[in-house]
Amino acid sequence: MGSSFQGLNRTGKMVYRDLLKAVRKHVGKQEHNSHFTDFIKQEFRNNINSENPQKLKLAHDYTVYLNSVHHHKDLLFSYNIAVDRSDEMKRILGKSAASVGLQLPEVYKS
């Protein structure tokens, strides 16, 4: 956090850090996405002395939203929604069979 965030309370710093981490993780660190992090940094700098709980709650809620959307997407993929995961299932079946000392039938191999 540098010295520019000295006036921000502990909760504000945590919200700021968590929001930046979520944006970097889910939106990306690439140069063409830097306007997201630049906007967040500027908003926190502009409101550093303002202890507006509504703005902190909004930032926290957006962090939770970003993380939840991506967690939901991962769950959908894991439940095989709209994705062909037959190769992954063959691998899992092979591991399961091998763990009890069996081999997969020829139907599942190849």
C-alpha atoms as a PDB file:
ATOM      1  CA  MET A   1       0.000   0.000   0.000  1.00  0.00           C
ATOM      2  CA  GLY A   2       2.353   2.931  -0.050  1.00  0.00           C
ATOM      3  CA  SER A   3       2.304   6.083   1.972  1.00  0.00           C
ATOM      4  CA  SER A   4      -0.607   7.496  -0.041  1.00  0.00           C
ATOM      5  CA  PHE A   5      -2.982   5.240   1.922  1.00  0.00           C
ATOM      6  CA  GLN A   6      -1.908   6.343   5.410  1.00  0.00           C
ATOM      7  CA  GLY A   7      -5.314   7.928   6.103  1.00  0.00           C
ATOM      8  CA  LEU A   8      -7.250   4.811   5.193  1.00  0.00           C
ATOM      9  CA  ASN A   9      -8.408   2.735   8.149  1.00  0.00           C
ATOM     10  CA  ARG A  10      -7.632  -0.968   8.498  1.00  0.00           C
ATOM     11  CA  THR A  11     -10.966  -2.077   7.042  1.00  0.00           C
ATOM     12  CA  GLY A  12     -10.513   0.218   4.062  1.00  0.00           C
ATOM     13  CA  LYS A  13      -7.045  -1.180   3.428  1.00  0.00           C
ATOM     14  CA  MET A  14      -8.340  -4.742   3.570  1.00  0.00           C
ATOM     15  CA  VAL A  15     -11.181  -3.958   1.159  1.00  0.00           C
ATOM     16  CA  TYR A  16      -8.757  -2.178  -1.183  1.00  0.00           C
ATOM     17  CA  ARG A  17      -6.281  -5.068  -1.136  1.00  0.00           C
ATOM     18  CA  ASP A  18      -8.975  -7.734  -1.597  1.00  0.00           C
ATOM     19  CA  LEU A  19     -10.606  -5.842  -4.464  1.00  0.00           C
ATOM     20  CA  LEU A  20      -7.309  -5.383  -6.297  1.00  0.00           C
ATOM     21  CA  LYS A  21      -6.469  -9.073  -5.815  1.00  0.00           C
ATOM     22  CA  ALA A  22      -9.861 -10.138  -7.187  1.00  0.00           C
ATOM     23  CA  VAL A  23      -9.574  -7.849 -10.215  1.00  0.00           C
ATOM     24  CA  ARG A  24      -6.038  -8.997 -10.978  1.00  0.00           C
ATOM     25  CA  LYS A  25      -7.017 -12.649 -10.603  1.00  0.00           C
ATOM     26  CA  HIS A  26     -10.300 -12.626 -12.514  1.00  0.00           C
ATOM     27  CA  VAL A  27     -10.027  -9.696 -14.919  1.00  0.00           C
ATOM     28  CA  GLY A  28      -6.321  -9.995 -15.584  1.00  0.00           C
ATOM     29  CA  LYS A  29      -2.997  -8.277 -15.112  1.00  0.00           C
ATOM     30  CA  GLN A  30      -2.449  -7.555 -18.800  1.00  0.00           C
ATOM     31  CA  GLU A  31      -1.727  -4.030 -19.962  1.00  0.00           C
ATOM     32  CA  HIS A  32      -5.045  -3.728 -21.821  1.00  0.00           C
ATOM     33  CA  ASN A  33      -6.912  -4.430 -18.547  1.00  0.00           C
ATOM     34  CA  SER A  34      -4.951  -1.964 -16.436  1.00  0.00           C
ATOM     35  CA  HIS A  35      -7.744   0.620 -16.610  1.00  0.00           C
ATOM     36  CA  PHE A  36      -9.697  -1.488 -14.082  1.00  0.00           C
ATOM     37  CA  THR A  37      -6.955  -1.385 -11.465  1.00  0.00           C
ATOM     38  CA  ASP A  38      -6.146   2.237 -12.304  1.00  0.00           C
ATOM     39  CA  PHE A  39      -9.774   3.200 -11.676  1.00  0.00           C
ATOM     40  CA  ILE A  40      -9.857   1.364  -8.342  1.00  0.00           C
ATOM     41  CA  LYS A  41      -6.602   2.966  -7.207  1.00  0.00           C
ATOM     42  CA  GLN A  42      -7.815   6.424  -8.199  1.00  0.00           C
ATOM     43  CA  GLU A  43     -11.179   5.998  -6.443  1.00  0.00           C
ATOM     44  CA  PHE A  44      -9.507   4.913  -3.212  1.00  0.00           C
ATOM     45  CA  ARG A  45      -7.032   7.805  -3.432  1.00  0.00           C
ATOM     46  CA  ASN A  46      -9.838  10.305  -4.035  1.00  0.00           C
ATOM     47  CA  ASN A  47     -11.840   9.020  -1.065  1.00  0.00           C
ATOM     48  CA  ILE A  48      -8.975   8.357   1.325  1.00  0.00           C
ATOM     49  CA  ASN A  49     -10.207  10.740   4.014  1.00  0.00           C
ATOM     50  CA  SER A  50     -13.843   9.908   3.465  1.00  0.00           C
ATOM     51  CA  GLU A  51     -14.944   7.143   5.779  1.00  0.00           C
ATOM     52  CA  ASN A  52     -18.104   6.510   3.799  1.00  0.00           C
ATOM     53  CA  PRO A  53     -19.232   3.017   4.835  1.00  0.00           C
ATOM     54  CA  GLN A  54     -21.487   2.757   1.781  1.00  0.00           C
ATOM     55  CA  LYS A  55     -18.564   3.055  -0.621  1.00  0.00           C
ATOM     56  CA  LEU A  56     -16.525   0.514   1.339  1.00  0.00           C
ATOM     57  CA  LYS A  57     -19.496  -1.855   1.369  1.00  0.00           C
ATOM     58  CA  LEU A  58     -19.933  -1.390  -2.385  1.00  0.00           C
ATOM     59  CA  ALA A  59     -16.250  -2.198  -2.971  1.00  0.00           C
ATOM     60  CA  HIS A  60     -16.503  -5.249  -0.698  1.00  0.00           C
ATOM     61  CA  ASP A  61     -19.696  -6.415  -2.411  1.00  0.00           C
ATOM     62  CA  TYR A  62     -18.069  -6.079  -5.828  1.00  0.00           C
ATOM     63  CA  THR A  63     -15.123  -8.156  -4.596  1.00  0.00           C
ATOM     64  CA  VAL A  64     -17.480 -10.880  -3.391  1.00  0.00           C
ATOM     65  CA  TYR A  65     -19.394 -10.683  -6.675  1.00  0.00           C
ATOM     66  CA  LEU A  66     -16.240 -11.086  -8.792  1.00  0.00           C
ATOM     67  CA  ASN A  67     -15.036 -14.048  -6.756  1.00  0.00           C
ATOM     68  CA  SER A  68     -18.489 -15.664  -6.723  1.00  0.00           C
ATOM     69  CA  VAL A  69     -19.049 -15.383 -10.475  1.00  0.00           C
ATOM     70  CA  HIS A  70     -15.768 -17.112 -11.177  1.00  0.00           C
ATOM     71  CA  HIS A  71     -16.370 -19.746  -8.512  1.00  0.00           C
ATOM     72  CA  HIS A  72     -19.789 -20.405 -10.066  1.00  0.00           C
ATOM     73  CA  LYS A  73     -18.201 -20.774 -13.505  1.00  0.00           C
ATOM     74  CA  ASP A  74     -15.707 -23.271 -12.108  1.00  0.00           C
ATOM     75  CA  LEU A  75     -18.554 -25.227 -10.512  1.00  0.00           C
ATOM     76  CA  LEU A  76     -20.431 -25.352 -13.810  1.00  0.00           C
ATOM     77  CA  PHE A  77     -17.346 -26.702 -15.535  1.00  0.00           C
ATOM     78  CA  SER A  78     -16.859 -29.286 -12.809  1.00  0.00           C
ATOM     79  CA  TYR A  79     -20.491 -30.411 -13.199  1.00  0.00           C
ATOM     80  CA  ASN A  80     -19.866 -30.932 -16.906  1.00  0.00           C
ATOM     81  CA  ILE A  81     -22.218 -28.174 -18.037  1.00  0.00           C
ATOM     82  CA  ALA A  82     -21.614 -27.301 -21.706  1.00  0.00           C
ATOM     83  CA  VAL A  83     -18.132 -28.790 -21.710  1.00  0.00           C
ATOM     84  CA  ASP A  84     -16.936 -32.080 -23.124  1.00  0.00           C
ATOM     85  CA  ARG A  85     -14.948 -33.584 -20.295  1.00  0.00           C
ATOM     86  CA  SER A  86     -14.750 -37.157 -21.533  1.00  0.00           C
ATOM     87  CA  ASP A  87     -10.932 -37.138 -21.516  1.00  0.00           C
ATOM     88  CA  GLU A  88     -10.887 -35.957 -17.932  1.00  0.00           C
ATOM     89  CA  MET A  89     -13.448 -38.599 -16.955  1.00  0.00           C
ATOM     90  CA  LYS A  90     -11.332 -41.331 -18.593  1.00  0.00           C
ATOM     91  CA  ARG A  91      -8.344 -40.160 -16.593  1.00  0.00           C
ATOM     92  CA  ILE A  92     -10.348 -40.137 -13.353  1.00  0.00           C
ATOM     93  CA  LEU A  93     -11.785 -43.585 -14.066  1.00  0.00           C
ATOM     94  CA  GLY A  94      -8.308 -44.898 -14.850  1.00  0.00           C
ATOM     95  CA  LYS A  95      -6.948 -43.546 -11.568  1.00  0.00           C
ATOM     96  CA  SER A  96      -9.870 -45.008  -9.630  1.00  0.00           C
ATOM     97  CA  ALA A  97      -9.450 -48.414 -11.239  1.00  0.00           C
ATOM     98  CA  ALA A  98      -5.686 -48.376 -10.696  1.00  0.00           C
ATOM     99  CA  SER A  99      -6.108 -47.488  -7.026  1.00  0.00           C
ATOM    100  CA  VAL A 100      -7.877 -50.817  -6.426  1.00  0.00           C
ATOM    101  CA  GLY A 101      -5.583 -52.785  -8.719  1.00  0.00           C
ATOM    102  CA  LEU A 102      -7.838 -52.996 -11.767  1.00  0.00           C
ATOM    103  CA  GLN A 103      -7.523 -51.852 -15.359  1.00  0.00           C
ATOM    104  CA  LEU A 104     -10.167 -50.148 -17.458  1.00  0.00           C
ATOM    105  CA  PRO A 105     -11.948 -52.237 -20.088  1.00  0.00           C
ATOM    106  CA  GLU A 106     -10.973 -51.596 -23.713  1.00  0.00           C
ATOM    107  CA  VAL A 107     -14.117 -49.476 -24.208  1.00  0.00           C
ATOM    108  CA  TYR A 108     -12.645 -46.723 -22.020  1.00  0.00           C
ATOM    109  CA  LYS A 109      -9.095 -46.918 -23.327  1.00  0.00           C
ATOM    110  CA  SER A 110      -7.713 -44.963 -26.283  1.00  0.00           C
END
